[in-house]
Amino acid sequence: MAVIWCTFDCYGTLIDWEGGVTDALLPYFDTPPDRDALAKEYIQTEAKVESGGYLRYREILDRAGRALLQAHRIDRPSPLPASLPGWVAFPEVPEALRALQTAGRRIAILSNVDRDLIATSIPKLGITPDLVVTAEDVGSYKPAAGHWARFAELSGASTADTVHVGASQYHDMVPAAALGYRTVFIDRHAEPLVSSPTRVLRDLVGLPGAITELER
């Protein structure tokens, strides 16, 4: 089954979202907490903020960052909106994306951010995506289906010729599979599976080969 499109989550999959978040928050603590525990706490806090009515992601970062700091009795503004342009790509990402494009794949980014924020991250990917769909474009956040609906509308692609790649089971693997997409879970933290991805990889190094295998 031919794979024409590879759709990607961006932050956590291509860009080191957790590293960016924790680097920004840790200086606010007199006694630095465990980095992994802080990242998990922030993920849960952000998911709660996103579950309400739609807000631009810049506002999500502000509210979630302030809520987490306040939970630790730190009354400070959120550093997260200003920190996002400094978040870096995972080291293997540019080579893997270039390999996919060289093999004729088209690449779309489906991201839970604002257009101006993702514009600061795309130059770090090493390629120019064929299509970018943001939460600002669709007025909702994954796991809602809006990103995939807009992608299908703009690309004309079917679920049969598309593979979705992401590092969140909640935001990406579960909803994409429910919509009929084959999925590749980038399992950077050796998580227990609560979804049924088509393939599981530790990072993007093996992704071009895995996509080729899915065509056989």
N, C-alpha and C. Protein backbone atom coordinates (compact mmCIF):
# COMPACT_ATOMS: atom_id res chain seq x y z
N MET A 1 0.85 -1.19 0.00
CA MET A 1 0.00 0.00 0.00
C MET A 1 0.88 1.24 0.00
N ALA A 2 0.81 2.03 -1.04
CA ALA A 2 1.71 3.17 -1.20
C ALA A 2 1.53 4.19 -0.08
N VAL A 3 2.63 4.77 0.35
CA VAL A 3 2.61 5.87 1.33
C VAL A 3 3.03 7.14 0.59
N ILE A 4 2.09 8.02 0.37
CA ILE A 4 2.37 9.28 -0.31
C ILE A 4 2.64 10.39 0.70
N TRP A 5 1.83 10.42 1.77
CA TRP A 5 1.94 11.47 2.78
C TRP A 5 2.38 10.88 4.12
N CYS A 6 3.29 11.57 4.78
CA CYS A 6 3.61 11.32 6.18
C CYS A 6 3.20 12.57 6.96
N THR A 7 2.25 12.42 7.87
CA THR A 7 1.83 13.54 8.70
C THR A 7 2.51 13.42 10.06
N PHE A 8 2.91 14.54 10.62
CA PHE A 8 3.69 14.54 11.86
C PHE A 8 3.09 15.48 12.89
N ASP A 9 3.05 15.01 14.11
CA ASP A 9 3.01 15.94 15.22
C ASP A 9 4.38 16.64 15.26
N CYS A 10 4.42 17.86 15.80
CA CYS A 10 5.69 18.58 15.82
C CYS A 10 6.37 18.55 17.17
N TYR A 11 5.71 19.09 18.19
CA TYR A 11 6.37 19.30 19.48
C TYR A 11 6.31 18.02 20.33
N GLY A 12 7.48 17.49 20.63
CA GLY A 12 7.61 16.20 21.29
C GLY A 12 8.01 15.12 20.32
N THR A 13 7.70 15.32 19.04
CA THR A 13 8.05 14.35 17.99
C THR A 13 9.24 14.84 17.19
N LEU A 14 9.19 16.07 16.72
CA LEU A 14 10.27 16.65 15.92
C LEU A 14 11.07 17.68 16.72
N ILE A 15 10.38 18.47 17.51
CA ILE A 15 11.00 19.49 18.36
C ILE A 15 10.96 19.01 19.81
N ASP A 16 12.06 19.22 20.54
CA ASP A 16 12.16 18.77 21.93
C ASP A 16 11.31 19.66 22.83
N TRP A 17 10.04 19.36 22.87
CA TRP A 17 9.03 20.12 23.61
C TRP A 17 9.28 20.00 25.11
N GLU A 18 9.47 18.79 25.61
CA GLU A 18 9.66 18.60 27.04
C GLU A 18 10.95 19.28 27.51
N GLY A 19 12.01 19.16 26.72
CA GLY A 19 13.25 19.84 27.08
C GLY A 19 13.07 21.33 27.12
N GLY A 20 12.35 21.89 26.13
CA GLY A 20 12.11 23.32 26.10
C GLY A 20 11.29 23.79 27.28
N VAL A 21 10.25 23.05 27.62
CA VAL A 21 9.39 23.42 28.74
C VAL A 21 10.16 23.36 30.06
N THR A 22 10.85 22.25 30.30
CA THR A 22 11.54 22.11 31.58
C THR A 22 12.72 23.07 31.71
N ASP A 23 13.43 23.32 30.62
CA ASP A 23 14.51 24.30 30.67
C ASP A 23 13.99 25.68 31.08
N ALA A 24 12.79 26.02 30.62
CA ALA A 24 12.21 27.32 30.93
C ALA A 24 11.70 27.40 32.37
N LEU A 25 11.16 26.29 32.88
CA LEU A 25 10.53 26.30 34.21
C LEU A 25 11.52 26.08 35.35
N LEU A 26 12.54 25.27 35.15
CA LEU A 26 13.42 24.88 36.25
C LEU A 26 14.07 26.06 36.97
N PRO A 27 14.49 27.12 36.31
CA PRO A 27 15.12 28.23 37.04
C PRO A 27 14.21 28.91 38.06
N TYR A 28 12.90 28.68 37.99
CA TYR A 28 11.98 29.30 38.92
C TYR A 28 11.92 28.58 40.26
N PHE A 29 12.51 27.40 40.36
CA PHE A 29 12.47 26.60 41.58
C PHE A 29 13.74 26.79 42.39
N ASP A 30 13.58 27.04 43.70
CA ASP A 30 14.75 27.12 44.58
C ASP A 30 15.45 25.77 44.68
N THR A 31 14.63 24.72 44.79
CA THR A 31 15.15 23.35 44.79
C THR A 31 14.61 22.68 43.53
N PRO A 32 15.44 22.51 42.51
CA PRO A 32 14.93 21.98 41.23
C PRO A 32 14.31 20.60 41.39
N PRO A 33 13.10 20.41 40.88
CA PRO A 33 12.48 19.09 40.91
C PRO A 33 13.09 18.18 39.85
N ASP A 34 12.72 16.90 39.92
CA ASP A 34 13.14 15.96 38.88
C ASP A 34 12.60 16.42 37.53
N ARG A 35 13.45 16.45 36.53
CA ARG A 35 13.07 16.97 35.22
C ARG A 35 11.92 16.15 34.60
N ASP A 36 12.00 14.83 34.66
CA ASP A 36 10.95 14.00 34.06
C ASP A 36 9.62 14.19 34.78
N ALA A 37 9.68 14.29 36.12
CA ALA A 37 8.45 14.49 36.88
C ALA A 37 7.84 15.84 36.56
N LEU A 38 8.67 16.86 36.40
CA LEU A 38 8.17 18.19 36.05
C LEU A 38 7.52 18.18 34.67
N ALA A 39 8.13 17.48 33.72
CA ALA A 39 7.56 17.39 32.37
C ALA A 39 6.19 16.71 32.42
N LYS A 40 6.09 15.62 33.16
CA LYS A 40 4.80 14.91 33.26
C LYS A 40 3.74 15.79 33.91
N GLU A 41 4.14 16.53 34.94
CA GLU A 41 3.19 17.42 35.60
C GLU A 41 2.72 18.50 34.64
N TYR A 42 3.64 19.03 33.85
CA TYR A 42 3.23 20.07 32.90
C TYR A 42 2.31 19.50 31.82
N ILE A 43 2.60 18.32 31.31
CA ILE A 43 1.75 17.69 30.30
C ILE A 43 0.32 17.57 30.81
N GLN A 44 0.16 17.12 32.06
CA GLN A 44 -1.17 16.98 32.63
C GLN A 44 -1.85 18.34 32.82
N THR A 45 -1.07 19.33 33.24
CA THR A 45 -1.62 20.67 33.45
C THR A 45 -2.07 21.27 32.12
N GLU A 46 -1.24 21.13 31.08
CA GLU A 46 -1.60 21.70 29.78
C GLU A 46 -2.82 21.02 29.20
N ALA A 47 -2.92 19.69 29.36
CA ALA A 47 -4.08 18.97 28.83
C ALA A 47 -5.38 19.48 29.46
N LYS A 48 -5.33 19.81 30.74
CA LYS A 48 -6.52 20.35 31.40
C LYS A 48 -6.90 21.70 30.81
N VAL A 49 -5.91 22.56 30.57
CA VAL A 49 -6.20 23.87 30.01
C VAL A 49 -6.75 23.74 28.59
N GLU A 50 -6.18 22.82 27.81
CA GLU A 50 -6.63 22.62 26.43
C GLU A 50 -8.03 22.04 26.34
N SER A 51 -8.47 21.36 27.40
CA SER A 51 -9.77 20.68 27.35
C SER A 51 -10.94 21.65 27.45
N GLY A 52 -10.67 22.90 27.78
CA GLY A 52 -11.73 23.90 27.85
C GLY A 52 -12.01 24.49 26.48
N GLY A 53 -12.62 25.65 26.45
CA GLY A 53 -12.87 26.32 25.18
C GLY A 53 -11.58 26.69 24.48
N TYR A 54 -11.61 26.81 23.16
CA TYR A 54 -10.39 27.07 22.39
C TYR A 54 -9.75 28.40 22.79
N LEU A 55 -8.45 28.33 23.04
CA LEU A 55 -7.60 29.49 23.26
C LEU A 55 -6.39 29.35 22.36
N ARG A 56 -5.81 30.44 21.93
CA ARG A 56 -4.56 30.34 21.17
C ARG A 56 -3.51 29.67 22.04
N TYR A 57 -2.57 28.98 21.38
CA TYR A 57 -1.59 28.20 22.14
C TYR A 57 -0.71 29.09 23.00
N ARG A 58 -0.46 30.30 22.56
CA ARG A 58 0.32 31.22 23.37
C ARG A 58 -0.36 31.42 24.73
N GLU A 59 -1.69 31.50 24.73
CA GLU A 59 -2.44 31.65 25.97
C GLU A 59 -2.42 30.35 26.77
N ILE A 60 -2.47 29.21 26.08
CA ILE A 60 -2.37 27.92 26.76
C ILE A 60 -1.04 27.84 27.51
N LEU A 61 0.05 28.18 26.84
CA LEU A 61 1.37 28.15 27.47
C LEU A 61 1.42 29.07 28.68
N ASP A 62 0.80 30.22 28.56
CA ASP A 62 0.80 31.17 29.66
C ASP A 62 0.00 30.63 30.84
N ARG A 63 -1.21 30.18 30.58
CA ARG A 63 -2.07 29.70 31.68
C ARG A 63 -1.52 28.43 32.32
N ALA A 64 -1.08 27.49 31.50
CA ALA A 64 -0.56 26.23 32.06
C ALA A 64 0.73 26.46 32.84
N GLY A 65 1.61 27.29 32.31
CA GLY A 65 2.84 27.58 33.03
C GLY A 65 2.58 28.25 34.36
N ARG A 66 1.67 29.24 34.39
CA ARG A 66 1.35 29.91 35.65
C ARG A 66 0.68 28.95 36.62
N ALA A 67 -0.21 28.07 36.11
CA ALA A 67 -0.89 27.12 36.99
C ALA A 67 0.09 26.15 37.63
N LEU A 68 1.05 25.67 36.85
CA LEU A 68 2.03 24.74 37.42
C LEU A 68 2.88 25.45 38.48
N LEU A 69 3.35 26.64 38.17
CA LEU A 69 4.16 27.37 39.14
C LEU A 69 3.36 27.67 40.41
N GLN A 70 2.10 28.05 40.27
CA GLN A 70 1.28 28.34 41.43
C GLN A 70 1.04 27.10 42.27
N ALA A 71 0.96 25.93 41.63
CA ALA A 71 0.80 24.68 42.37
C ALA A 71 2.00 24.42 43.28
N HIS A 72 3.13 25.01 42.92
CA HIS A 72 4.34 24.90 43.75
C HIS A 72 4.59 26.17 44.56
N ARG A 73 3.55 27.00 44.68
CA ARG A 73 3.59 28.24 45.46
C ARG A 73 4.65 29.21 44.92
N ILE A 74 4.75 29.25 43.61
CA ILE A 74 5.64 30.19 42.94
C ILE A 74 4.76 31.16 42.16
N ASP A 75 4.73 32.39 42.60
CA ASP A 75 3.87 33.39 41.96
C ASP A 75 4.70 34.19 40.97
N ARG A 76 4.84 33.66 39.77
CA ARG A 76 5.64 34.29 38.74
C ARG A 76 4.92 34.17 37.40
N PRO A 77 5.20 35.05 36.45
CA PRO A 77 4.62 34.89 35.10
C PRO A 77 5.16 33.62 34.44
N SER A 78 4.39 33.09 33.50
CA SER A 78 4.85 31.92 32.76
C SER A 78 5.97 32.31 31.79
N PRO A 79 7.09 31.59 31.81
CA PRO A 79 8.16 31.86 30.85
C PRO A 79 7.97 31.16 29.52
N LEU A 80 6.92 30.35 29.38
CA LEU A 80 6.84 29.42 28.25
C LEU A 80 6.57 30.07 26.90
N PRO A 81 5.65 31.04 26.78
CA PRO A 81 5.43 31.61 25.44
C PRO A 81 6.70 32.19 24.83
N ALA A 82 7.49 32.87 25.63
CA ALA A 82 8.71 33.48 25.10
C ALA A 82 9.81 32.46 24.84
N SER A 83 9.70 31.29 25.49
CA SER A 83 10.77 30.29 25.34
C SER A 83 10.64 29.45 24.08
N LEU A 84 9.42 29.32 23.54
CA LEU A 84 9.20 28.37 22.44
C LEU A 84 10.12 28.59 21.24
N PRO A 85 10.38 29.81 20.80
CA PRO A 85 11.26 29.96 19.64
C PRO A 85 12.67 29.41 19.85
N GLY A 86 13.05 29.18 21.10
CA GLY A 86 14.37 28.62 21.37
C GLY A 86 14.40 27.11 21.47
N TRP A 87 13.25 26.45 21.40
CA TRP A 87 13.22 25.00 21.51
C TRP A 87 13.87 24.39 20.27
N VAL A 88 14.63 23.31 20.47
CA VAL A 88 15.46 22.75 19.40
C VAL A 88 14.85 21.45 18.86
N ALA A 89 15.24 21.11 17.64
CA ALA A 89 14.83 19.83 17.05
C ALA A 89 15.66 18.70 17.65
N PHE A 90 15.07 17.52 17.73
CA PHE A 90 15.84 16.34 18.10
C PHE A 90 16.92 16.12 17.03
N PRO A 91 18.10 15.64 17.43
CA PRO A 91 19.24 15.64 16.50
C PRO A 91 19.04 14.83 15.23
N GLU A 92 18.24 13.76 15.27
CA GLU A 92 18.09 12.91 14.09
C GLU A 92 17.03 13.39 13.12
N VAL A 93 16.27 14.43 13.51
CA VAL A 93 15.09 14.83 12.75
C VAL A 93 15.41 15.33 11.34
N PRO A 94 16.33 16.28 11.15
CA PRO A 94 16.54 16.79 9.79
C PRO A 94 16.94 15.70 8.79
N GLU A 95 17.82 14.81 9.18
CA GLU A 95 18.25 13.75 8.25
C GLU A 95 17.09 12.82 7.91
N ALA A 96 16.29 12.46 8.91
CA ALA A 96 15.17 11.55 8.66
C ALA A 96 14.14 12.19 7.74
N LEU A 97 13.82 13.46 7.97
CA LEU A 97 12.84 14.14 7.12
C LEU A 97 13.35 14.33 5.70
N ARG A 98 14.63 14.63 5.58
CA ARG A 98 15.21 14.77 4.23
C ARG A 98 15.16 13.43 3.49
N ALA A 99 15.42 12.34 4.21
CA ALA A 99 15.37 11.01 3.58
C ALA A 99 13.96 10.70 3.09
N LEU A 100 12.97 11.07 3.87
CA LEU A 100 11.58 10.84 3.45
C LEU A 100 11.25 11.64 2.20
N GLN A 101 11.63 12.90 2.17
CA GLN A 101 11.35 13.72 0.99
C GLN A 101 12.12 13.22 -0.23
N THR A 102 13.36 12.79 -0.03
CA THR A 102 14.15 12.27 -1.14
C THR A 102 13.50 11.03 -1.73
N ALA A 103 12.84 10.25 -0.87
CA ALA A 103 12.15 9.04 -1.33
C ALA A 103 10.78 9.34 -1.95
N GLY A 104 10.43 10.62 -2.03
CA GLY A 104 9.18 11.00 -2.68
C GLY A 104 7.99 11.16 -1.77
N ARG A 105 8.22 11.07 -0.45
CA ARG A 105 7.09 11.28 0.48
C ARG A 105 6.77 12.77 0.59
N ARG A 106 5.53 13.07 0.78
CA ARG A 106 5.12 14.44 1.09
C ARG A 106 4.92 14.54 2.60
N ILE A 107 5.27 15.67 3.17
CA ILE A 107 5.30 15.82 4.62
C ILE A 107 4.35 16.93 5.05
N ALA A 108 3.49 16.60 6.00
CA ALA A 108 2.59 17.58 6.60
C ALA A 108 2.82 17.62 8.10
N ILE A 109 2.76 18.81 8.68
CA ILE A 109 2.85 18.98 10.12
C ILE A 109 1.46 19.31 10.64
N LEU A 110 0.99 18.53 11.62
CA LEU A 110 -0.31 18.77 12.26
C LEU A 110 -0.01 19.08 13.72
N SER A 111 -0.06 20.36 14.08
CA SER A 111 0.48 20.78 15.37
C SER A 111 -0.50 21.58 16.21
N ASN A 112 -0.44 21.34 17.51
CA ASN A 112 -1.29 22.04 18.48
C ASN A 112 -0.70 23.40 18.89
N VAL A 113 -0.40 24.24 17.91
CA VAL A 113 0.17 25.55 18.22
C VAL A 113 -0.46 26.63 17.33
N ASP A 114 0.07 27.85 17.46
CA ASP A 114 -0.34 28.97 16.62
C ASP A 114 0.58 29.06 15.40
N ARG A 115 0.10 29.71 14.37
CA ARG A 115 0.88 29.82 13.14
C ARG A 115 2.20 30.57 13.36
N ASP A 116 2.16 31.65 14.14
CA ASP A 116 3.40 32.41 14.31
C ASP A 116 4.42 31.65 15.14
N LEU A 117 3.96 30.80 16.05
CA LEU A 117 4.90 30.03 16.87
C LEU A 117 5.56 28.92 16.05
N ILE A 118 4.78 28.19 15.27
CA ILE A 118 5.40 27.10 14.50
C ILE A 118 6.34 27.65 13.43
N ALA A 119 6.09 28.87 13.00
CA ALA A 119 6.99 29.48 12.01
C ALA A 119 8.41 29.62 12.56
N THR A 120 8.55 29.71 13.89
CA THR A 120 9.89 29.81 14.49
C THR A 120 10.58 28.45 14.58
N SER A 121 9.81 27.37 14.48
CA SER A 121 10.37 26.02 14.63
C SER A 121 10.66 25.34 13.30
N ILE A 122 9.90 25.65 12.26
CA ILE A 122 10.06 24.97 10.98
C ILE A 122 11.48 25.08 10.43
N PRO A 123 12.17 26.22 10.53
CA PRO A 123 13.53 26.28 10.00
C PRO A 123 14.50 25.30 10.67
N LYS A 124 14.14 24.78 11.83
CA LYS A 124 15.02 23.84 12.54
C LYS A 124 14.85 22.40 12.05
N LEU A 125 13.84 22.15 11.21
CA LEU A 125 13.54 20.79 10.78
C LEU A 125 14.41 20.32 9.62
N GLY A 126 15.08 21.23 8.95
CA GLY A 126 15.96 20.84 7.86
C GLY A 126 15.26 20.64 6.52
N ILE A 127 13.95 20.79 6.50
CA ILE A 127 13.17 20.65 5.26
C ILE A 127 12.05 21.68 5.28
N THR A 128 11.41 21.88 4.16
CA THR A 128 10.20 22.69 4.10
C THR A 128 9.00 21.75 3.97
N PRO A 129 8.12 21.69 4.95
CA PRO A 129 6.96 20.81 4.83
C PRO A 129 6.08 21.19 3.65
N ASP A 130 5.39 20.20 3.11
CA ASP A 130 4.46 20.45 2.03
C ASP A 130 3.17 21.10 2.52
N LEU A 131 2.87 20.90 3.80
CA LEU A 131 1.62 21.41 4.35
C LEU A 131 1.77 21.53 5.86
N VAL A 132 1.21 22.58 6.43
CA VAL A 132 1.21 22.77 7.88
C VAL A 132 -0.22 23.11 8.31
N VAL A 133 -0.72 22.38 9.29
CA VAL A 133 -2.04 22.64 9.87
C VAL A 133 -1.84 22.87 11.36
N THR A 134 -2.31 24.00 11.88
CA THR A 134 -2.15 24.32 13.29
C THR A 134 -3.51 24.35 14.00
N ALA A 135 -3.44 24.36 15.32
CA ALA A 135 -4.66 24.50 16.11
C ALA A 135 -5.36 25.81 15.81
N GLU A 136 -4.58 26.84 15.53
CA GLU A 136 -5.17 28.13 15.18
C GLU A 136 -5.98 28.04 13.88
N ASP A 137 -5.54 27.19 12.95
CA ASP A 137 -6.26 27.03 11.69
C ASP A 137 -7.62 26.38 11.88
N VAL A 138 -7.70 25.44 12.82
CA VAL A 138 -8.92 24.63 12.95
C VAL A 138 -9.73 24.96 14.19
N GLY A 139 -9.17 25.78 15.09
CA GLY A 139 -9.92 26.17 16.29
C GLY A 139 -10.12 25.07 17.29
N SER A 140 -9.21 24.07 17.30
CA SER A 140 -9.30 22.98 18.27
C SER A 140 -7.93 22.35 18.43
N TYR A 141 -7.81 21.52 19.45
CA TYR A 141 -6.55 20.84 19.75
C TYR A 141 -6.73 19.33 19.62
N LYS A 142 -5.72 18.68 19.04
CA LYS A 142 -5.72 17.22 19.09
C LYS A 142 -5.80 16.80 20.57
N PRO A 143 -6.55 15.76 20.88
CA PRO A 143 -7.01 14.67 20.03
C PRO A 143 -8.29 14.90 19.24
N ALA A 144 -8.86 16.11 19.26
CA ALA A 144 -9.99 16.38 18.39
C ALA A 144 -9.57 16.17 16.93
N ALA A 145 -10.53 15.88 16.07
CA ALA A 145 -10.23 15.45 14.70
C ALA A 145 -9.99 16.59 13.72
N GLY A 146 -10.05 17.84 14.19
CA GLY A 146 -9.99 18.97 13.28
C GLY A 146 -8.75 19.03 12.41
N HIS A 147 -7.58 18.70 12.98
CA HIS A 147 -6.35 18.75 12.19
C HIS A 147 -6.40 17.78 11.01
N TRP A 148 -6.88 16.56 11.27
CA TRP A 148 -6.92 15.56 10.20
C TRP A 148 -7.97 15.92 9.15
N ALA A 149 -9.08 16.47 9.60
CA ALA A 149 -10.11 16.89 8.63
C ALA A 149 -9.57 17.97 7.71
N ARG A 150 -8.85 18.96 8.27
CA ARG A 150 -8.29 20.02 7.44
C ARG A 150 -7.19 19.48 6.54
N PHE A 151 -6.38 18.57 7.06
CA PHE A 151 -5.34 17.96 6.22
C PHE A 151 -5.96 17.25 5.02
N ALA A 152 -6.99 16.44 5.26
CA ALA A 152 -7.63 15.71 4.16
C ALA A 152 -8.23 16.67 3.15
N GLU A 153 -8.81 17.76 3.64
CA GLU A 153 -9.43 18.75 2.76
C GLU A 153 -8.38 19.42 1.86
N LEU A 154 -7.24 19.79 2.45
CA LEU A 154 -6.23 20.55 1.71
C LEU A 154 -5.37 19.67 0.82
N SER A 155 -5.13 18.43 1.25
CA SER A 155 -4.21 17.55 0.52
C SER A 155 -4.92 16.65 -0.48
N GLY A 156 -6.19 16.36 -0.22
CA GLY A 156 -6.89 15.37 -1.02
C GLY A 156 -6.45 13.95 -0.75
N ALA A 157 -5.64 13.76 0.28
CA ALA A 157 -5.09 12.43 0.59
C ALA A 157 -6.13 11.58 1.32
N SER A 158 -6.00 10.29 1.13
CA SER A 158 -6.86 9.35 1.84
C SER A 158 -6.10 8.76 3.02
N THR A 159 -6.82 8.08 3.91
CA THR A 159 -6.16 7.39 5.01
C THR A 159 -5.26 6.27 4.49
N ALA A 160 -5.60 5.71 3.34
CA ALA A 160 -4.84 4.59 2.81
C ALA A 160 -3.44 4.97 2.36
N ASP A 161 -3.26 6.22 1.91
CA ASP A 161 -1.93 6.60 1.42
C ASP A 161 -1.20 7.56 2.37
N THR A 162 -1.65 7.56 3.64
CA THR A 162 -1.08 8.45 4.64
C THR A 162 -0.70 7.67 5.89
N VAL A 163 0.43 8.02 6.49
CA VAL A 163 0.85 7.47 7.78
C VAL A 163 1.06 8.63 8.74
N HIS A 164 0.49 8.52 9.94
CA HIS A 164 0.65 9.59 10.93
C HIS A 164 1.71 9.19 11.95
N VAL A 165 2.60 10.14 12.25
CA VAL A 165 3.74 9.90 13.13
C VAL A 165 3.64 10.85 14.32
N GLY A 166 3.73 10.32 15.53
CA GLY A 166 3.65 11.19 16.71
C GLY A 166 4.24 10.53 17.94
N ALA A 167 4.50 11.36 18.95
CA ALA A 167 5.11 10.88 20.20
C ALA A 167 4.13 10.88 21.36
N SER A 168 2.86 11.17 21.09
CA SER A 168 1.84 11.15 22.14
C SER A 168 0.76 10.15 21.78
N GLN A 169 0.54 9.20 22.66
CA GLN A 169 -0.55 8.26 22.41
C GLN A 169 -1.90 8.97 22.53
N TYR A 170 -2.02 9.85 23.52
CA TYR A 170 -3.28 10.56 23.76
C TYR A 170 -3.62 11.53 22.63
N HIS A 171 -2.66 12.36 22.24
CA HIS A 171 -2.94 13.39 21.25
C HIS A 171 -2.93 12.88 19.81
N ASP A 172 -2.19 11.81 19.53
CA ASP A 172 -1.95 11.42 18.14
C ASP A 172 -2.29 9.97 17.80
N MET A 173 -1.77 9.00 18.56
CA MET A 173 -1.95 7.60 18.17
C MET A 173 -3.41 7.18 18.24
N VAL A 174 -4.06 7.49 19.35
CA VAL A 174 -5.45 7.04 19.51
C VAL A 174 -6.38 7.71 18.50
N PRO A 175 -6.37 9.04 18.37
CA PRO A 175 -7.30 9.65 17.41
C PRO A 175 -6.99 9.33 15.96
N ALA A 176 -5.70 9.27 15.59
CA ALA A 176 -5.37 8.97 14.19
C ALA A 176 -5.82 7.57 13.82
N ALA A 177 -5.58 6.60 14.71
CA ALA A 177 -6.01 5.23 14.43
C ALA A 177 -7.53 5.15 14.34
N ALA A 178 -8.23 5.89 15.20
CA ALA A 178 -9.70 5.87 15.17
C ALA A 178 -10.24 6.41 13.85
N LEU A 179 -9.47 7.30 13.22
CA LEU A 179 -9.88 7.86 11.93
C LEU A 179 -9.48 6.97 10.75
N GLY A 180 -8.73 5.90 11.03
CA GLY A 180 -8.38 4.95 9.98
C GLY A 180 -6.96 5.06 9.46
N TYR A 181 -6.12 5.89 10.08
CA TYR A 181 -4.74 6.06 9.62
C TYR A 181 -3.83 4.99 10.20
N ARG A 182 -2.86 4.55 9.42
CA ARG A 182 -1.74 3.81 9.98
C ARG A 182 -0.90 4.78 10.79
N THR A 183 -0.29 4.29 11.87
CA THR A 183 0.40 5.18 12.80
C THR A 183 1.78 4.63 13.15
N VAL A 184 2.70 5.56 13.40
CA VAL A 184 4.01 5.23 13.94
C VAL A 184 4.20 6.01 15.22
N PHE A 185 4.36 5.29 16.32
CA PHE A 185 4.54 5.90 17.62
C PHE A 185 6.03 6.09 17.89
N ILE A 186 6.45 7.32 18.09
CA ILE A 186 7.83 7.63 18.46
C ILE A 186 7.90 7.60 19.98
N ASP A 187 8.36 6.48 20.49
CA ASP A 187 8.31 6.19 21.93
C ASP A 187 9.64 6.59 22.57
N ARG A 188 9.81 7.87 22.83
CA ARG A 188 11.08 8.38 23.35
C ARG A 188 11.29 8.04 24.83
N HIS A 189 10.24 7.60 25.52
CA HIS A 189 10.34 7.38 26.97
C HIS A 189 10.00 5.95 27.38
N ALA A 190 10.01 5.02 26.45
CA ALA A 190 9.69 3.61 26.76
C ALA A 190 8.38 3.50 27.55
N GLU A 191 7.34 4.11 27.01
CA GLU A 191 6.05 4.13 27.69
C GLU A 191 5.32 2.80 27.53
N PRO A 192 4.50 2.41 28.51
CA PRO A 192 3.60 1.29 28.29
C PRO A 192 2.57 1.67 27.23
N LEU A 193 2.28 0.74 26.34
CA LEU A 193 1.34 1.04 25.26
C LEU A 193 -0.10 1.01 25.78
N VAL A 194 -0.82 2.09 25.52
CA VAL A 194 -2.25 2.14 25.79
C VAL A 194 -3.01 2.34 24.48
N SER A 195 -2.28 2.23 23.37
CA SER A 195 -2.86 2.34 22.03
C SER A 195 -2.29 1.19 21.20
N SER A 196 -2.68 1.13 19.94
CA SER A 196 -2.22 0.05 19.07
C SER A 196 -1.60 0.61 17.80
N PRO A 197 -0.43 1.25 17.92
CA PRO A 197 0.20 1.82 16.73
C PRO A 197 0.62 0.74 15.75
N THR A 198 0.71 1.11 14.48
CA THR A 198 1.15 0.16 13.46
C THR A 198 2.61 -0.19 13.64
N ARG A 199 3.43 0.78 14.01
CA ARG A 199 4.84 0.57 14.31
C ARG A 199 5.22 1.40 15.53
N VAL A 200 6.23 0.93 16.29
CA VAL A 200 6.77 1.67 17.42
C VAL A 200 8.27 1.82 17.20
N LEU A 201 8.76 3.07 17.26
CA LEU A 201 10.18 3.37 17.11
C LEU A 201 10.63 4.21 18.29
N ARG A 202 11.90 4.10 18.65
CA ARG A 202 12.42 4.92 19.76
C ARG A 202 12.65 6.37 19.33
N ASP A 203 13.01 6.56 18.08
CA ASP A 203 13.22 7.91 17.54
C ASP A 203 13.00 7.85 16.04
N LEU A 204 13.39 8.89 15.32
CA LEU A 204 13.12 8.94 13.88
C LEU A 204 14.20 8.29 13.02
N VAL A 205 15.25 7.78 13.64
CA VAL A 205 16.35 7.21 12.85
C VAL A 205 15.85 6.13 11.90
N GLY A 206 15.01 5.25 12.40
CA GLY A 206 14.51 4.14 11.58
C GLY A 206 13.24 4.44 10.82
N LEU A 207 12.76 5.69 10.87
CA LEU A 207 11.46 5.98 10.27
C LEU A 207 11.43 5.80 8.75
N PRO A 208 12.41 6.30 8.00
CA PRO A 208 12.33 6.10 6.54
C PRO A 208 12.22 4.63 6.16
N GLY A 209 12.97 3.77 6.83
CA GLY A 209 12.88 2.34 6.56
C GLY A 209 11.55 1.76 6.96
N ALA A 210 11.00 2.21 8.09
CA ALA A 210 9.71 1.71 8.54
C ALA A 210 8.60 2.10 7.57
N ILE A 211 8.66 3.30 7.03
CA ILE A 211 7.65 3.73 6.06
C ILE A 211 7.73 2.88 4.80
N THR A 212 8.94 2.57 4.35
CA THR A 212 9.10 1.70 3.19
C THR A 212 8.51 0.32 3.45
N GLU A 213 8.73 -0.21 4.66
CA GLU A 213 8.19 -1.53 5.03
C GLU A 213 6.67 -1.53 4.98
N LEU A 214 6.05 -0.42 5.34
CA LEU A 214 4.58 -0.36 5.35
C LEU A 214 3.98 -0.43 3.95
N GLU A 215 4.81 -0.23 2.93
CA GLU A 215 4.32 -0.33 1.56
C GLU A 215 4.34 -1.77 1.04
N ARG A 216 4.97 -2.65 1.75
CA ARG A 216 5.11 -4.02 1.24
C ARG A 216 3.86 -4.86 1.52
